[in-house]
C-alpha atoms as a PDB file:
ATOM      1  CA  MET A   1     106.389  42.238 -10.417  1.00  0.00           C
ATOM      2  CA  ILE A   2     106.776  45.016 -13.728  1.00  0.00           C
ATOM      3  CA  ARG A   3     105.205  48.182 -12.610  1.00  0.00           C
ATOM      4  CA  GLY A   4     105.246  51.514 -14.904  1.00  0.00           C
ATOM      5  CA  PHE A   5     106.988  54.813 -14.495  1.00  0.00           C
ATOM      6  CA  GLY A   6     105.600  56.956 -11.499  1.00  0.00           C
ATOM      7  CA  LEU A   7     104.367  60.304 -12.116  1.00  0.00           C
ATOM      8  CA  LEU A   8     107.388  61.572 -10.268  1.00  0.00           C
ATOM      9  CA  GLU A   9     109.914  59.526 -12.323  1.00  0.00           C
ATOM     10  CA  MET A  10     108.322  60.566 -16.027  1.00  0.00           C
ATOM     11  CA  LEU A  11     108.704  64.465 -14.787  1.00  0.00           C
ATOM     12  CA  ILE A  12     112.746  63.571 -13.684  1.00  0.00           C
ATOM     13  CA  ALA A  13     112.985  62.347 -17.193  1.00  0.00           C
ATOM     14  CA  LEU A  14     110.927  64.589 -19.232  1.00  0.00           C
ATOM     15  CA  SER A  15     113.409  67.219 -17.461  1.00  0.00           C
ATOM     16  CA  LEU A  16     116.704  65.508 -17.777  1.00  0.00           C
ATOM     17  CA  GLY A  17     115.685  65.230 -21.402  1.00  0.00           C
ATOM     18  CA  LEU A  18     114.812  68.981 -21.754  1.00  0.00           C
ATOM     19  CA  GLY A  19     118.239  70.268 -20.195  1.00  0.00           C
ATOM     20  CA  ILE A  20     119.814  67.937 -22.595  1.00  0.00           C
ATOM     21  CA  LEU A  21     117.928  69.439 -25.706  1.00  0.00           C
ATOM     22  CA  THR A  22     118.343  72.836 -24.601  1.00  0.00           C
ATOM     23  CA  VAL A  23     122.631  71.729 -24.368  1.00  0.00           C
ATOM     24  CA  ILE A  24     121.989  70.582 -27.816  1.00  0.00           C
ATOM     25  CA  ILE A  25     120.370  73.832 -29.225  1.00  0.00           C
ATOM     26  CA  ALA A  26     122.679  76.372 -27.562  1.00  0.00           C
ATOM     27  CA  HIS A  27     125.799  74.446 -28.564  1.00  0.00           C
ATOM     28  CA  SER A  28     124.319  74.181 -32.452  1.00  0.00           C
ATOM     29  CA  THR A  29     123.528  77.699 -32.485  1.00  0.00           C
ATOM     30  CA  GLU A  30     126.693  78.416 -30.955  1.00  0.00           C
ATOM     31  CA  ALA A  31     128.320  76.898 -33.593  1.00  0.00           C
ATOM     32  CA  ALA A  32     126.452  78.118 -36.371  1.00  0.00           C
ATOM     33  CA  ARG A  33     127.114  81.887 -35.132  1.00  0.00           C
ATOM     34  CA  VAL A  34     130.622  81.073 -34.855  1.00  0.00           C
ATOM     35  CA  GLU A  35     130.841  79.308 -38.514  1.00  0.00           C
ATOM     36  CA  LYS A  36     128.974  82.084 -39.896  1.00  0.00           C
ATOM     37  CA  LYS A  37     131.270  84.664 -38.062  1.00  0.00           C
ATOM     38  CA  VAL A  38     134.199  82.648 -39.917  1.00  0.00           C
ATOM     39  CA  GLY A  39     132.699  82.819 -43.059  1.00  0.00           C
ATOM     40  CA  GLY A  40     132.267  86.365 -42.830  1.00  0.00           C
ATOM     41  CA  ASN A  41     135.028  87.245 -42.152  1.00  0.00           C
ATOM     42  CA  GLN A  42     136.770  84.778 -44.978  1.00  0.00           C
ATOM     43  CA  GLU A  43     134.427  86.495 -47.621  1.00  0.00           C
ATOM     44  CA  ARG A  44     135.769  90.040 -46.176  1.00  0.00           C
ATOM     45  CA  LEU A  45     139.517  89.268 -46.936  1.00  0.00           C
ATOM     46  CA  GLU A  46     138.514  87.825 -49.918  1.00  0.00           C
ATOM     47  CA  ALA A  47     136.863  90.728 -51.292  1.00  0.00           C
ATOM     48  CA  ILE A  48     140.113  93.200 -49.821  1.00  0.00           C
ATOM     49  CA  PHE A  49     142.471  91.018 -51.960  1.00  0.00           C
ATOM     50  CA  HIS A  50     140.510  91.156 -55.173  1.00  0.00           C
ATOM     51  CA  ALA A  51     140.350  94.984 -54.246  1.00  0.00           C
ATOM     52  CA  VAL A  52     144.217  95.372 -54.005  1.00  0.00           C
ATOM     53  CA  ASP A  53     144.471  92.828 -56.652  1.00  0.00           C
ATOM     54  CA  ALA A  54     142.669  95.404 -59.191  1.00  0.00           C
ATOM     55  CA  ILE A  55     144.291  98.224 -57.897  1.00  0.00           C
ATOM     56  CA  LYS A  56     147.747  96.881 -58.446  1.00  0.00           C
ATOM     57  CA  ALA A  57     147.207  95.249 -61.960  1.00  0.00           C
ATOM     58  CA  ASP A  58     146.076  98.749 -63.295  1.00  0.00           C
ATOM     59  CA  LEU A  59     148.746 100.882 -61.746  1.00  0.00           C
ATOM     60  CA  ASN A  60     151.609  98.019 -62.677  1.00  0.00           C
ATOM     61  CA  LYS A  61     149.848  98.938 -66.054  1.00  0.00           C
ATOM     62  CA  CYS A  62     149.300 102.675 -65.738  1.00  0.00           C
ATOM     63  CA  GLY A  63     151.666 104.200 -68.621  1.00  0.00           C
ATOM     64  CA  MET A  64     151.984 100.970 -70.848  1.00  0.00           C
ATOM     65  CA  ARG A  65     152.583 101.661 -74.391  1.00  0.00           C
ATOM     66  CA  LEU A  66     152.667 105.387 -73.551  1.00  0.00           C
ATOM     67  CA  GLN A  67     156.323 106.168 -73.341  1.00  0.00           C
ATOM     68  CA  ASP A  68     157.260 107.083 -76.871  1.00  0.00           C
ATOM     69  CA  VAL A  69     154.786 109.411 -77.123  1.00  0.00           C
ATOM     70  CA  ARG A  70     154.761 111.030 -73.818  1.00  0.00           C
ATOM     71  CA  PRO A  71     157.383 113.476 -73.750  1.00  0.00           C
ATOM     72  CA  PHE A  72     155.713 115.707 -76.852  1.00  0.00           C
ATOM     73  CA  SER A  73     151.892 115.025 -75.787  1.00  0.00           C
ATOM     74  CA  ASP A  74     149.878 116.375 -72.872  1.00  0.00           C
ATOM     75  CA  ILE A  75     148.354 112.543 -72.070  1.00  0.00           C
ATOM     76  CA  ALA A  76     148.561 112.114 -68.374  1.00  0.00           C
ATOM     77  CA  PRO A  77     148.883 108.003 -67.317  1.00  0.00           C
ATOM     78  CA  PHE A  78     148.168 108.913 -63.835  1.00  0.00           C
ATOM     79  CA  ALA A  79     146.133 111.430 -62.073  1.00  0.00           C
ATOM     80  CA  SER A  80     144.543 111.589 -58.536  1.00  0.00           C
ATOM     81  CA  THR A  81     142.511 113.983 -56.013  1.00  0.00           C
ATOM     82  CA  PRO A  82     141.212 112.577 -52.377  1.00  0.00           C
ATOM     83  CA  GLY A  83     139.415 109.596 -52.518  1.00  0.00           C
ATOM     84  CA  PHE A  84     140.201 108.970 -56.291  1.00  0.00           C
ATOM     85  CA  PHE A  85     142.578 108.013 -58.945  1.00  0.00           C
ATOM     86  CA  SER A  86     143.033 106.824 -62.448  1.00  0.00           C
ATOM     87  CA  SER A  87     145.501 105.194 -64.569  1.00  0.00           C
ATOM     88  CA  THR A  88     144.987 105.205 -68.540  1.00  0.00           C
ATOM     89  CA  TYR A  89     147.517 102.695 -70.550  1.00  0.00           C
ATOM     90  CA  GLY A  90     147.234 101.001 -73.993  1.00  0.00           C
ATOM     91  CA  ILE A  91     145.911  97.400 -74.263  1.00  0.00           C
ATOM     92  CA  ALA A  92     147.001  97.431 -78.071  1.00  0.00           C
ATOM     93  CA  ASP A  93     149.594  99.168 -80.725  1.00  0.00           C
ATOM     94  CA  GLU A  94     149.596  98.815 -84.520  1.00  0.00           C
ATOM     95  CA  PRO A  95     151.496 100.388 -86.987  1.00  0.00           C
ATOM     96  CA  LEU A  96     149.548 102.359 -89.910  1.00  0.00           C
ATOM     97  CA  LEU A  97     150.212 100.005 -92.651  1.00  0.00           C
ATOM     98  CA  GLU A  98     149.554 103.227 -95.307  1.00  0.00           C
ATOM     99  CA  GLY A  99     149.957 107.037 -94.464  1.00  0.00           C
ATOM    100  CA  ALA A 100     147.077 108.699 -93.674  1.00  0.00           C
ATOM    101  CA  LEU A 101     146.156 112.746 -94.687  1.00  0.00           C
ATOM    102  CA  ARG A 102     144.658 115.329 -92.641  1.00  0.00           C
ATOM    103  CA  GLY A 103     140.854 115.204 -92.734  1.00  0.00           C
ATOM    104  CA  GLN A 104     140.901 111.673 -93.548  1.00  0.00           C
ATOM    105  CA  GLN A 105     138.867 108.938 -91.450  1.00  0.00           C
ATOM    106  CA  ALA A 106     139.960 105.489 -92.146  1.00  0.00           C
ATOM    107  CA  LEU A 107     143.003 104.557 -91.549  1.00  0.00           C
ATOM    108  CA  ARG A 108     145.150 101.110 -93.097  1.00  0.00           C
ATOM    109  CA  VAL A 109     145.817  98.741 -90.168  1.00  0.00           C
ATOM    110  CA  ALA A 110     146.051  95.373 -89.391  1.00  0.00           C
ATOM    111  CA  ALA A 111     144.130  96.162 -85.862  1.00  0.00           C
ATOM    112  CA  GLY A 112     142.940  93.599 -83.579  1.00  0.00           C
ATOM    113  CA  GLU A 113     139.358  93.256 -81.335  1.00  0.00           C
ATOM    114  CA  CYS A 114     140.846  95.740 -79.010  1.00  0.00           C
ATOM    115  CA  PHE A 115     140.066  98.141 -81.776  1.00  0.00           C
ATOM    116  CA  LYS A 116     136.128  97.807 -81.035  1.00  0.00           C
ATOM    117  CA  LYS A 117     133.658 100.357 -81.721  1.00  0.00           C
ATOM    118  CA  ASP A 118     133.449 103.459 -79.303  1.00  0.00           C
ATOM    119  CA  LYS A 119     137.219 102.147 -78.319  1.00  0.00           C
ATOM    120  CA  VAL A 120     138.716 105.414 -77.734  1.00  0.00           C
ATOM    121  CA  VAL A 121     142.599 105.383 -79.516  1.00  0.00           C
ATOM    122  CA  LEU A 122     145.833 107.256 -80.275  1.00  0.00           C
ATOM    123  CA  ILE A 123     147.391 107.979 -82.913  1.00  0.00           C
ATOM    124  CA  TYR A 124     150.905 109.665 -83.168  1.00  0.00           C
ATOM    125  CA  ASP A 125     154.268 110.020 -84.980  1.00  0.00           C
ATOM    126  CA  PRO A 126     157.150 110.442 -83.205  1.00  0.00           C
ATOM    127  CA  ALA A 127     159.116 111.354 -86.119  1.00  0.00           C
ATOM    128  CA  GLN A 128     157.487 114.599 -86.284  1.00  0.00           C
ATOM    129  CA  PRO A 129     156.101 115.357 -83.644  1.00  0.00           C
ATOM    130  CA  ALA A 130     152.125 114.877 -83.948  1.00  0.00           C
ATOM    131  CA  TRP A 131     149.703 113.009 -81.974  1.00  0.00           C
ATOM    132  CA  GLU A 132     145.949 113.265 -81.177  1.00  0.00           C
ATOM    133  CA  LEU A 133     142.805 111.306 -79.910  1.00  0.00           C
ATOM    134  CA  ASN A 134     140.262 109.811 -81.857  1.00  0.00           C
ATOM    135  CA  GLU A 135     137.754 107.093 -81.235  1.00  0.00           C
ATOM    136  CA  VAL A 136     136.121 104.422 -83.219  1.00  0.00           C
ATOM    137  CA  GLN A 137     133.392 104.332 -85.189  1.00  0.00           C
ATOM    138  CA  TYR A 138     133.346 101.147 -87.420  1.00  0.00           C
ATOM    139  CA  ARG A 139     135.595  98.286 -88.405  1.00  0.00           C
ATOM    140  CA  LEU A 140     136.001  97.966 -92.345  1.00  0.00           C
ATOM    141  CA  ASP A 141     138.091  95.229 -93.800  1.00  0.00           C
ATOM    142  CA  GLY A 142     142.012  96.290 -93.245  1.00  0.00           C
ATOM    143  CA  ALA A 143     140.453  99.480 -91.583  1.00  0.00           C
ATOM    144  CA  LEU A 144     139.374 101.627 -89.079  1.00  0.00           C
ATOM    145  CA  VAL A 145     137.353 103.851 -89.361  1.00  0.00           C
ATOM    146  CA  MET A 146     137.256 107.071 -86.913  1.00  0.00           C
ATOM    147  CA  LYS A 147     134.375 109.203 -85.474  1.00  0.00           C
ATOM    148  CA  ARG A 148     136.007 112.542 -86.435  1.00  0.00           C
ATOM    149  CA  PRO A 149     138.801 113.440 -89.463  1.00  0.00           C
ATOM    150  CA  LEU A 150     142.515 113.496 -88.646  1.00  0.00           C
ATOM    151  CA  ARG A 151     143.545 116.515 -87.474  1.00  0.00           C
ATOM    152  CA  ASN A 152     147.408 115.835 -88.940  1.00  0.00           C
ATOM    153  CA  ASP A 153     149.177 113.739 -91.305  1.00  0.00           C
ATOM    154  CA  PHE A 154     150.428 110.771 -90.284  1.00  0.00           C
ATOM    155  CA  PRO A 155     153.067 108.572 -92.574  1.00  0.00           C
ATOM    156  CA  ARG A 156     153.320 104.855 -92.658  1.00  0.00           C
ATOM    157  CA  ASN A 157     154.319 103.335 -89.746  1.00  0.00           C
ATOM    158  CA  SER A 158     152.693 105.508 -87.571  1.00  0.00           C
ATOM    159  CA  MET A 159     151.460 104.355 -84.323  1.00  0.00           C
ATOM    160  CA  LEU A 160     147.767 103.374 -83.345  1.00  0.00           C
ATOM    161  CA  VAL A 161     146.890 102.632 -79.884  1.00  0.00           C
ATOM    162  CA  ALA A 162     143.826 101.207 -77.991  1.00  0.00           C
ATOM    163  CA  LEU A 163     143.427 103.097 -74.771  1.00  0.00           C
ATOM    164  CA  LYS A 164     142.389 101.511 -71.308  1.00  0.00           C
ATOM    165  CA  LYS A 165     141.165 104.161 -68.799  1.00  0.00           C
ATOM    166  CA  VAL A 166     140.268 102.794 -64.927  1.00  0.00           C
ATOM    167  CA  GLU A 167     138.971 105.150 -62.413  1.00  0.00           C
ATOM    168  CA  TYR A 168     138.972 103.918 -58.439  1.00  0.00           C
ATOM    169  CA  LYS A 169     136.457 106.339 -56.310  1.00  0.00           C
ATOM    170  CA  TYR A 170     135.316 106.016 -53.230  1.00  0.00           C
ATOM    171  CA  PHE A 171     131.701 107.022 -52.148  1.00  0.00           C
ATOM    172  CA  PRO A 172     131.721 108.307 -48.288  1.00  0.00           C
ATOM    173  CA  ALA A 173     127.904 107.851 -48.299  1.00  0.00           C
ATOM    174  CA  GLN A 174     127.789 104.367 -48.961  1.00  0.00           C
ATOM    175  CA  ARG A 175     131.142 103.286 -47.234  1.00  0.00           C
ATOM    176  CA  THR A 176     132.082 101.509 -50.631  1.00  0.00           C
ATOM    177  CA  LEU A 177     135.322 101.692 -53.359  1.00  0.00           C
ATOM    178  CA  LYS A 178     133.898 101.499 -56.881  1.00  0.00           C
ATOM    179  CA  ARG A 179     135.633 101.330 -59.953  1.00  0.00           C
ATOM    180  CA  ARG A 180     134.733 102.276 -63.189  1.00  0.00           C
ATOM    181  CA  SER A 181     136.204 101.054 -66.819  1.00  0.00           C
ATOM    182  CA  ASP A 182     136.471 103.551 -70.004  1.00  0.00           C
ATOM    183  CA  ASN A 183     133.350 105.150 -69.886  1.00  0.00           C
ATOM    184  CA  GLY A 184     131.593 102.638 -68.155  1.00  0.00           C
ATOM    185  CA  THR A 185     129.690 103.413 -64.762  1.00  0.00           C
ATOM    186  CA  PHE A 186     131.633 102.952 -61.159  1.00  0.00           C
ATOM    187  CA  GLN A 187     131.003  99.283 -59.966  1.00  0.00           C
ATOM    188  CA  PRO A 188     131.478  98.237 -56.411  1.00  0.00           C
ATOM    189  CA  LEU A 189     134.506  96.785 -55.605  1.00  0.00           C
ATOM    190  CA  LEU A 190     134.878  96.835 -52.185  1.00  0.00           C
ATOM    191  CA  GLU A 191     132.099  97.689 -49.113  1.00  0.00           C
ATOM    192  CA  GLU A 192     132.577  98.573 -45.455  1.00  0.00           C
ATOM    193  CA  VAL A 193     134.977 101.091 -46.586  1.00  0.00           C
ATOM    194  CA  SER A 194     136.067 103.605 -43.818  1.00  0.00           C
ATOM    195  CA  ASP A 195     138.862 105.449 -45.894  1.00  0.00           C
ATOM    196  CA  PHE A 196     140.697 105.247 -48.931  1.00  0.00           C
ATOM    197  CA  TYR A 197     143.625 107.706 -49.829  1.00  0.00           C
ATOM    198  CA  VAL A 198     146.023 107.835 -52.249  1.00  0.00           C
ATOM    199  CA  THR A 199     149.289 110.104 -52.620  1.00  0.00           C
ATOM    200  CA  PHE A 200     151.554 110.332 -55.611  1.00  0.00           C
ATOM    201  CA  PHE A 201     155.101 110.461 -55.401  1.00  0.00           C
ATOM    202  CA  PRO A 202     156.202 112.494 -58.288  1.00  0.00           C
ATOM    203  CA  ASP A 203     159.747 112.460 -57.665  1.00  0.00           C
ATOM    204  CA  ALA A 204     160.013 108.680 -57.082  1.00  0.00           C
ATOM    205  CA  ASN A 205     157.400 107.818 -59.827  1.00  0.00           C
ATOM    206  CA  SER A 206     155.322 106.117 -57.094  1.00  0.00           C
ATOM    207  CA  VAL A 207     152.022 105.886 -55.602  1.00  0.00           C
ATOM    208  CA  LEU A 208     151.064 104.884 -51.695  1.00  0.00           C
ATOM    209  CA  TYR A 209     147.620 103.796 -51.233  1.00  0.00           C
ATOM    210  CA  ARG A 210     145.258 103.426 -48.178  1.00  0.00           C
ATOM    211  CA  ILE A 211     142.246 101.488 -47.647  1.00  0.00           C
ATOM    212  CA  GLU A 212     140.887 101.294 -44.487  1.00  0.00           C
ATOM    213  CA  ILE A 213     137.980  99.180 -43.602  1.00  0.00           C
ATOM    214  CA  ASN A 214     135.224  99.505 -40.275  1.00  0.00           C
ATOM    215  CA  LYS A 215     138.034 102.280 -39.033  1.00  0.00           C
ATOM    216  CA  LYS A 216     139.684  98.891 -37.612  1.00  0.00           C
ATOM    217  CA  GLU A 217     141.551  97.129 -40.889  1.00  0.00           C
ATOM    218  CA  GLN A 218     143.664  98.949 -43.033  1.00  0.00           C
ATOM    219  CA  VAL A 219     145.688  97.908 -45.989  1.00  0.00           C
ATOM    220  CA  ARG A 220     148.451  99.911 -47.572  1.00  0.00           C
ATOM    221  CA  GLY A 221     149.944  99.793 -50.678  1.00  0.00           C
ATOM    222  CA  TYR A 222     153.423 100.910 -52.652  1.00  0.00           C
ATOM    223  CA  ILE A 223     153.351 100.357 -56.404  1.00  0.00           C
ATOM    224  CA  PHE A 224     156.188 102.232 -58.394  1.00  0.00           C
ATOM    225  CA  LEU A 225     154.781 102.974 -61.900  1.00  0.00           C
ATOM    226  CA  LEU A 226     157.061 101.678 -63.850  1.00  0.00           C
ATOM    227  CA  ASN A 227     155.922 102.603 -67.641  1.00  0.00           C
ATOM    228  CA  THR A 228     155.963 106.278 -66.730  1.00  0.00           C
ATOM    229  CA  VAL A 229     159.504 106.170 -66.542  1.00  0.00           C
END
């Protein structure tokens, strides 16, 4: 004779099923939490590596294409204050194809795309020596027109350098390290930063930087500014 489940048996089976379901849900929740934590740690590490790579790249370029003009100019490739530093370097250079006179604005030069509108440029003649800063107003066939008239005479083969300036600044209230290129706005580079400082050693032409994350992790770097020697 076959009989169905009794009420007590059904209650026992239901309790066992609920217990197993609870264990499965708890395990799934813990696995999701661990996965989320691991994923968060991985994203934080990737963000730190990206910030460090950007700092290294900009410091390694600091002073590039400015070596010849630095002895007779007041251009400072590197500058720093607490929680801030800037790096200036040339991204392209071209010789003047024709001499340019004081008061002139058009420069004959085979300039590439780096010499675009509003780009800050350095013009210098190491033989005089003479130098000045200006900005590109617009491009013309075989020439660049400056925003301001030249203050000096520049002979043929004087150099024209397209400059780039990057700045790193720590914003304590936002716990964020930000980066700005040329005259743009500061963009977030790394979040959850609890401290950031840079020390410049002029005798060794080197920079020590430290980034502290959440008052726990610290990233340090020491870079020799090869292009400022």
